[in-house]
Amino acid sequence: MRYPTRNSGIASQIHCFCRRIVGCRTVLGYQAKPERADENQALVEKVFADLEARQPDGFTYKVFRLEDGVSFIHVVIEHEVESPDSLQSIPAFQAFVAGITERCDVPPVPMGATVVGGYR
């Protein structure tokens, strides 16, 4: 399987990767510039506020900020539903991805993931 390049946008990376996999699970990690990590988190929080207001269907989206303060992990799990919504269609997500490369020291890299186990 061919993974998207580091130079393509975060939204297209997620979309391109997920198009190839039914029940897609994508994990995407990157490091923000230290002086822009709080800004990055604020933009992520706006995405979640927009998601809460819109209540889209068809995916689970989680973002983690690691204890180093600059590393972020995004996890997207697409669900099989009749008419799934797209994370890319969320305006706050579009705003988040618009400047991601300028906010990063280490650019986003998506990887497919297999769920080995889970609890709740």
N, C-alpha and C. Protein backbone atom coordinates (compact mmCIF):
# COMPACT_ATOMS: atom_id res chain seq x y z
N MET A 1 0.85 -1.17 0.00
CA MET A 1 0.00 0.00 0.00
C MET A 1 0.89 1.23 0.00
N ARG A 2 0.57 2.20 -0.82
CA ARG A 2 1.34 3.44 -0.91
C ARG A 2 0.74 4.50 0.00
N TYR A 3 1.58 5.11 0.82
CA TYR A 3 1.13 6.14 1.74
C TYR A 3 1.27 7.51 1.08
N PRO A 4 0.43 8.46 1.45
CA PRO A 4 0.55 9.82 0.91
C PRO A 4 1.90 10.42 1.28
N THR A 5 2.35 11.38 0.50
CA THR A 5 3.63 12.02 0.76
C THR A 5 3.52 13.01 1.90
N ARG A 6 4.65 13.37 2.46
CA ARG A 6 4.67 14.34 3.56
C ARG A 6 4.26 15.73 3.08
N ASN A 7 4.42 16.01 1.80
CA ASN A 7 4.16 17.35 1.32
C ASN A 7 2.70 17.62 0.97
N SER A 8 1.87 16.60 0.91
CA SER A 8 0.46 16.85 0.62
C SER A 8 -0.22 17.33 1.89
N GLY A 9 -1.37 18.00 1.75
CA GLY A 9 -2.07 18.57 2.89
C GLY A 9 -2.61 17.51 3.83
N ILE A 10 -2.77 17.88 5.10
CA ILE A 10 -3.26 16.95 6.12
C ILE A 10 -4.65 16.40 5.76
N ALA A 11 -5.53 17.26 5.29
CA ALA A 11 -6.89 16.81 4.95
C ALA A 11 -6.85 15.83 3.80
N SER A 12 -6.08 16.13 2.77
CA SER A 12 -6.01 15.21 1.63
C SER A 12 -5.28 13.94 2.01
N GLN A 13 -4.32 14.02 2.94
CA GLN A 13 -3.64 12.81 3.39
C GLN A 13 -4.63 11.86 4.04
N ILE A 14 -5.45 12.40 4.93
CA ILE A 14 -6.45 11.57 5.60
C ILE A 14 -7.43 11.02 4.58
N HIS A 15 -7.93 11.89 3.69
CA HIS A 15 -8.92 11.47 2.70
C HIS A 15 -8.35 10.42 1.76
N CYS A 16 -7.16 10.67 1.20
CA CYS A 16 -6.56 9.73 0.25
C CYS A 16 -6.31 8.39 0.90
N PHE A 17 -5.79 8.40 2.12
CA PHE A 17 -5.51 7.15 2.80
C PHE A 17 -6.80 6.39 3.07
N CYS A 18 -7.83 7.10 3.55
CA CYS A 18 -9.07 6.45 3.95
C CYS A 18 -9.87 5.94 2.77
N ARG A 19 -9.73 6.55 1.61
CA ARG A 19 -10.46 6.07 0.44
C ARG A 19 -10.09 4.64 0.11
N ARG A 20 -8.90 4.22 0.49
CA ARG A 20 -8.41 2.91 0.12
C ARG A 20 -8.83 1.81 1.10
N ILE A 21 -9.33 2.19 2.26
CA ILE A 21 -9.59 1.21 3.30
C ILE A 21 -11.03 1.32 3.79
N VAL A 22 -11.75 0.21 3.78
CA VAL A 22 -13.09 0.20 4.37
C VAL A 22 -12.91 0.18 5.87
N GLY A 23 -13.64 1.03 6.58
CA GLY A 23 -13.48 1.12 8.03
C GLY A 23 -12.11 1.68 8.38
N CYS A 24 -11.70 2.67 7.64
CA CYS A 24 -10.38 3.26 7.75
C CYS A 24 -10.05 3.68 9.19
N ARG A 25 -8.80 3.45 9.56
CA ARG A 25 -8.26 3.93 10.81
C ARG A 25 -6.93 4.59 10.46
N THR A 26 -6.84 5.86 10.70
CA THR A 26 -5.61 6.59 10.39
C THR A 26 -5.10 7.28 11.64
N VAL A 27 -3.80 7.16 11.86
CA VAL A 27 -3.13 7.85 12.96
C VAL A 27 -2.14 8.79 12.30
N LEU A 28 -2.18 10.05 12.73
CA LEU A 28 -1.34 11.07 12.12
C LEU A 28 -0.61 11.82 13.23
N GLY A 29 0.70 11.85 13.15
CA GLY A 29 1.47 12.53 14.18
C GLY A 29 2.34 13.63 13.61
N TYR A 30 2.63 14.63 14.41
CA TYR A 30 3.50 15.73 14.01
C TYR A 30 3.95 16.48 15.26
N GLN A 31 4.93 17.36 15.07
CA GLN A 31 5.38 18.22 16.16
C GLN A 31 5.21 19.67 15.76
N ALA A 32 4.50 20.41 16.59
CA ALA A 32 4.32 21.85 16.37
C ALA A 32 5.59 22.58 16.81
N LYS A 33 5.79 23.75 16.24
CA LYS A 33 6.86 24.62 16.73
C LYS A 33 6.51 25.00 18.17
N PRO A 34 7.47 25.01 19.08
CA PRO A 34 7.14 25.29 20.48
C PRO A 34 6.35 26.57 20.68
N GLU A 35 6.68 27.61 19.95
CA GLU A 35 5.98 28.89 20.11
C GLU A 35 4.59 28.90 19.47
N ARG A 36 4.24 27.80 18.75
CA ARG A 36 2.93 27.75 18.09
C ARG A 36 2.07 26.58 18.57
N ALA A 37 2.56 25.83 19.55
CA ALA A 37 1.84 24.65 20.04
C ALA A 37 0.49 25.02 20.68
N ASP A 38 0.46 26.10 21.46
CA ASP A 38 -0.80 26.51 22.08
C ASP A 38 -1.80 26.98 21.02
N GLU A 39 -1.30 27.68 20.02
CA GLU A 39 -2.16 28.10 18.90
C GLU A 39 -2.73 26.87 18.19
N ASN A 40 -1.88 25.87 17.97
CA ASN A 40 -2.33 24.64 17.32
C ASN A 40 -3.44 23.99 18.15
N GLN A 41 -3.23 23.91 19.46
CA GLN A 41 -4.25 23.31 20.32
C GLN A 41 -5.55 24.11 20.26
N ALA A 42 -5.47 25.42 20.25
CA ALA A 42 -6.68 26.25 20.17
C ALA A 42 -7.44 25.99 18.88
N LEU A 43 -6.71 25.79 17.78
CA LEU A 43 -7.37 25.49 16.51
C LEU A 43 -8.03 24.11 16.55
N VAL A 44 -7.37 23.16 17.18
CA VAL A 44 -7.96 21.82 17.34
C VAL A 44 -9.23 21.91 18.18
N GLU A 45 -9.19 22.69 19.25
CA GLU A 45 -10.37 22.85 20.10
C GLU A 45 -11.54 23.47 19.32
N LYS A 46 -11.25 24.36 18.38
CA LYS A 46 -12.30 24.94 17.54
C LYS A 46 -12.90 23.87 16.62
N VAL A 47 -12.07 22.95 16.16
CA VAL A 47 -12.59 21.84 15.34
C VAL A 47 -13.60 21.05 16.15
N PHE A 48 -13.25 20.73 17.39
CA PHE A 48 -14.17 19.94 18.22
C PHE A 48 -15.44 20.70 18.57
N ALA A 49 -15.35 22.00 18.75
CA ALA A 49 -16.55 22.81 18.99
C ALA A 49 -17.45 22.78 17.76
N ASP A 50 -16.84 22.87 16.57
CA ASP A 50 -17.60 22.81 15.32
C ASP A 50 -18.22 21.43 15.14
N LEU A 51 -17.48 20.38 15.45
CA LEU A 51 -18.01 19.02 15.36
C LEU A 51 -19.20 18.85 16.31
N GLU A 52 -19.06 19.36 17.51
CA GLU A 52 -20.15 19.25 18.49
C GLU A 52 -21.40 19.96 17.99
N ALA A 53 -21.22 21.12 17.38
CA ALA A 53 -22.37 21.88 16.88
C ALA A 53 -23.02 21.21 15.68
N ARG A 54 -22.21 20.61 14.81
CA ARG A 54 -22.72 20.02 13.55
C ARG A 54 -23.16 18.57 13.69
N GLN A 55 -22.57 17.84 14.64
CA GLN A 55 -22.88 16.43 14.87
C GLN A 55 -22.77 15.59 13.60
N PRO A 56 -21.63 15.61 12.90
CA PRO A 56 -21.49 14.80 11.68
C PRO A 56 -21.50 13.31 12.01
N ASP A 57 -21.81 12.52 11.01
CA ASP A 57 -21.91 11.07 11.17
C ASP A 57 -20.88 10.39 10.29
N GLY A 58 -20.38 9.26 10.72
CA GLY A 58 -19.53 8.45 9.87
C GLY A 58 -18.08 8.35 10.29
N PHE A 59 -17.68 9.04 11.34
CA PHE A 59 -16.30 8.94 11.77
C PHE A 59 -16.17 9.31 13.25
N THR A 60 -15.10 8.81 13.83
CA THR A 60 -14.67 9.18 15.17
C THR A 60 -13.35 9.91 15.00
N TYR A 61 -13.18 11.00 15.73
CA TYR A 61 -11.97 11.81 15.60
C TYR A 61 -11.48 12.16 16.99
N LYS A 62 -10.23 11.86 17.27
CA LYS A 62 -9.62 12.18 18.56
C LYS A 62 -8.27 12.82 18.30
N VAL A 63 -7.90 13.76 19.16
CA VAL A 63 -6.59 14.40 19.06
C VAL A 63 -5.96 14.39 20.45
N PHE A 64 -4.70 14.04 20.49
CA PHE A 64 -3.95 13.99 21.74
C PHE A 64 -2.75 14.94 21.64
N ARG A 65 -2.51 15.68 22.72
CA ARG A 65 -1.29 16.48 22.84
C ARG A 65 -0.42 15.75 23.84
N LEU A 66 0.78 15.38 23.42
CA LEU A 66 1.64 14.60 24.28
C LEU A 66 2.33 15.48 25.32
N GLU A 67 2.88 14.84 26.34
CA GLU A 67 3.41 15.58 27.48
C GLU A 67 4.63 16.42 27.15
N ASP A 68 5.25 16.22 25.98
CA ASP A 68 6.36 17.09 25.60
C ASP A 68 5.86 18.49 25.21
N GLY A 69 4.53 18.62 25.05
CA GLY A 69 3.92 19.91 24.78
C GLY A 69 3.87 20.31 23.32
N VAL A 70 4.63 19.63 22.46
CA VAL A 70 4.67 20.00 21.04
C VAL A 70 4.20 18.89 20.10
N SER A 71 4.13 17.67 20.59
CA SER A 71 3.71 16.55 19.75
C SER A 71 2.20 16.36 19.83
N PHE A 72 1.59 16.15 18.66
CA PHE A 72 0.16 15.94 18.56
C PHE A 72 -0.08 14.65 17.77
N ILE A 73 -1.08 13.91 18.19
CA ILE A 73 -1.49 12.69 17.50
C ILE A 73 -2.98 12.83 17.19
N HIS A 74 -3.33 12.66 15.93
CA HIS A 74 -4.73 12.68 15.50
C HIS A 74 -5.11 11.26 15.12
N VAL A 75 -6.28 10.82 15.54
CA VAL A 75 -6.78 9.49 15.21
C VAL A 75 -8.15 9.65 14.56
N VAL A 76 -8.27 9.11 13.35
CA VAL A 76 -9.54 9.15 12.62
C VAL A 76 -9.96 7.71 12.36
N ILE A 77 -11.19 7.39 12.74
CA ILE A 77 -11.76 6.07 12.46
C ILE A 77 -13.04 6.30 11.68
N GLU A 78 -13.06 5.83 10.44
CA GLU A 78 -14.27 5.95 9.64
C GLU A 78 -15.17 4.76 9.94
N HIS A 79 -16.48 5.04 10.03
CA HIS A 79 -17.46 4.01 10.30
C HIS A 79 -18.30 3.76 9.05
N GLU A 80 -18.76 2.56 8.91
CA GLU A 80 -19.61 2.24 7.77
C GLU A 80 -21.03 2.71 8.07
N VAL A 81 -21.41 3.80 7.44
CA VAL A 81 -22.77 4.32 7.54
C VAL A 81 -23.23 4.64 6.13
N GLU A 82 -24.54 4.74 5.96
CA GLU A 82 -25.10 4.93 4.63
C GLU A 82 -24.65 6.23 3.98
N SER A 83 -24.70 7.33 4.70
CA SER A 83 -24.32 8.63 4.15
C SER A 83 -23.32 9.32 5.09
N PRO A 84 -22.04 8.91 5.02
CA PRO A 84 -21.07 9.48 5.95
C PRO A 84 -20.77 10.94 5.64
N ASP A 85 -20.54 11.71 6.69
CA ASP A 85 -20.07 13.08 6.53
C ASP A 85 -18.55 13.04 6.44
N SER A 86 -17.97 14.14 6.03
CA SER A 86 -16.53 14.22 5.88
C SER A 86 -15.95 15.22 6.86
N LEU A 87 -14.88 14.83 7.51
CA LEU A 87 -14.16 15.74 8.38
C LEU A 87 -13.69 16.96 7.58
N GLN A 88 -13.33 16.74 6.33
CA GLN A 88 -12.85 17.82 5.47
C GLN A 88 -13.90 18.89 5.21
N SER A 89 -15.17 18.56 5.38
CA SER A 89 -16.23 19.54 5.11
C SER A 89 -16.49 20.46 6.31
N ILE A 90 -15.84 20.22 7.42
CA ILE A 90 -16.04 21.01 8.63
C ILE A 90 -15.19 22.30 8.52
N PRO A 91 -15.83 23.47 8.54
CA PRO A 91 -15.08 24.72 8.37
C PRO A 91 -13.91 24.91 9.34
N ALA A 92 -14.07 24.55 10.59
CA ALA A 92 -12.97 24.72 11.55
C ALA A 92 -11.81 23.78 11.22
N PHE A 93 -12.11 22.60 10.68
CA PHE A 93 -11.04 21.69 10.26
C PHE A 93 -10.30 22.27 9.06
N GLN A 94 -11.04 22.87 8.14
CA GLN A 94 -10.41 23.52 6.99
C GLN A 94 -9.48 24.63 7.46
N ALA A 95 -9.91 25.41 8.45
CA ALA A 95 -9.07 26.48 9.00
C ALA A 95 -7.84 25.89 9.70
N PHE A 96 -8.03 24.79 10.40
CA PHE A 96 -6.92 24.13 11.09
C PHE A 96 -5.86 23.67 10.10
N VAL A 97 -6.26 23.00 9.02
CA VAL A 97 -5.28 22.45 8.08
C VAL A 97 -4.65 23.52 7.20
N ALA A 98 -5.30 24.67 7.07
CA ALA A 98 -4.79 25.72 6.18
C ALA A 98 -3.36 26.14 6.53
N GLY A 99 -3.01 26.20 7.79
CA GLY A 99 -1.68 26.65 8.17
C GLY A 99 -0.85 25.63 8.90
N ILE A 100 -1.20 24.36 8.76
CA ILE A 100 -0.52 23.33 9.56
C ILE A 100 0.98 23.27 9.28
N THR A 101 1.39 23.40 8.03
CA THR A 101 2.82 23.26 7.75
C THR A 101 3.63 24.40 8.37
N GLU A 102 3.04 25.60 8.44
CA GLU A 102 3.74 26.73 9.05
C GLU A 102 3.84 26.59 10.57
N ARG A 103 2.93 25.82 11.16
CA ARG A 103 2.94 25.65 12.62
C ARG A 103 3.83 24.49 13.07
N CYS A 104 4.36 23.71 12.11
CA CYS A 104 5.07 22.49 12.47
C CYS A 104 6.57 22.55 12.29
N ASP A 105 7.29 21.92 13.23
CA ASP A 105 8.71 21.63 13.07
C ASP A 105 8.87 20.29 12.35
N VAL A 106 8.01 19.34 12.69
CA VAL A 106 7.99 18.02 12.05
C VAL A 106 6.61 17.88 11.42
N PRO A 107 6.55 17.76 10.08
CA PRO A 107 5.26 17.76 9.39
C PRO A 107 4.42 16.52 9.69
N PRO A 108 3.11 16.63 9.46
CA PRO A 108 2.21 15.50 9.68
C PRO A 108 2.55 14.31 8.78
N VAL A 109 2.51 13.13 9.37
CA VAL A 109 2.73 11.88 8.65
C VAL A 109 1.61 10.92 9.02
N PRO A 110 0.77 10.54 8.03
CA PRO A 110 -0.30 9.60 8.33
C PRO A 110 0.16 8.15 8.21
N MET A 111 -0.44 7.30 9.04
CA MET A 111 -0.17 5.87 8.96
C MET A 111 -1.48 5.15 9.21
N GLY A 112 -1.68 4.08 8.48
CA GLY A 112 -2.83 3.23 8.74
C GLY A 112 -2.59 2.51 10.05
N ALA A 113 -3.67 2.12 10.70
CA ALA A 113 -3.54 1.45 11.99
C ALA A 113 -4.54 0.32 12.08
N THR A 114 -4.18 -0.71 12.78
CA THR A 114 -5.06 -1.84 13.05
C THR A 114 -5.40 -1.84 14.52
N VAL A 115 -6.67 -1.90 14.83
CA VAL A 115 -7.09 -1.97 16.23
C VAL A 115 -6.77 -3.37 16.75
N VAL A 116 -5.96 -3.40 17.77
CA VAL A 116 -5.57 -4.68 18.37
C VAL A 116 -6.51 -5.00 19.52
N GLY A 117 -6.98 -4.00 20.19
CA GLY A 117 -7.90 -4.18 21.30
C GLY A 117 -8.41 -2.84 21.75
N GLY A 118 -9.40 -2.86 22.57
CA GLY A 118 -9.96 -1.63 23.09
C GLY A 118 -10.87 -1.93 24.27
N TYR A 119 -11.06 -0.95 25.07
CA TYR A 119 -11.96 -1.08 26.21
C TYR A 119 -12.71 0.21 26.33
N ARG A 120 -14.04 0.15 26.20
CA ARG A 120 -14.96 1.28 26.25
C ARG A 120 -14.55 2.32 25.29
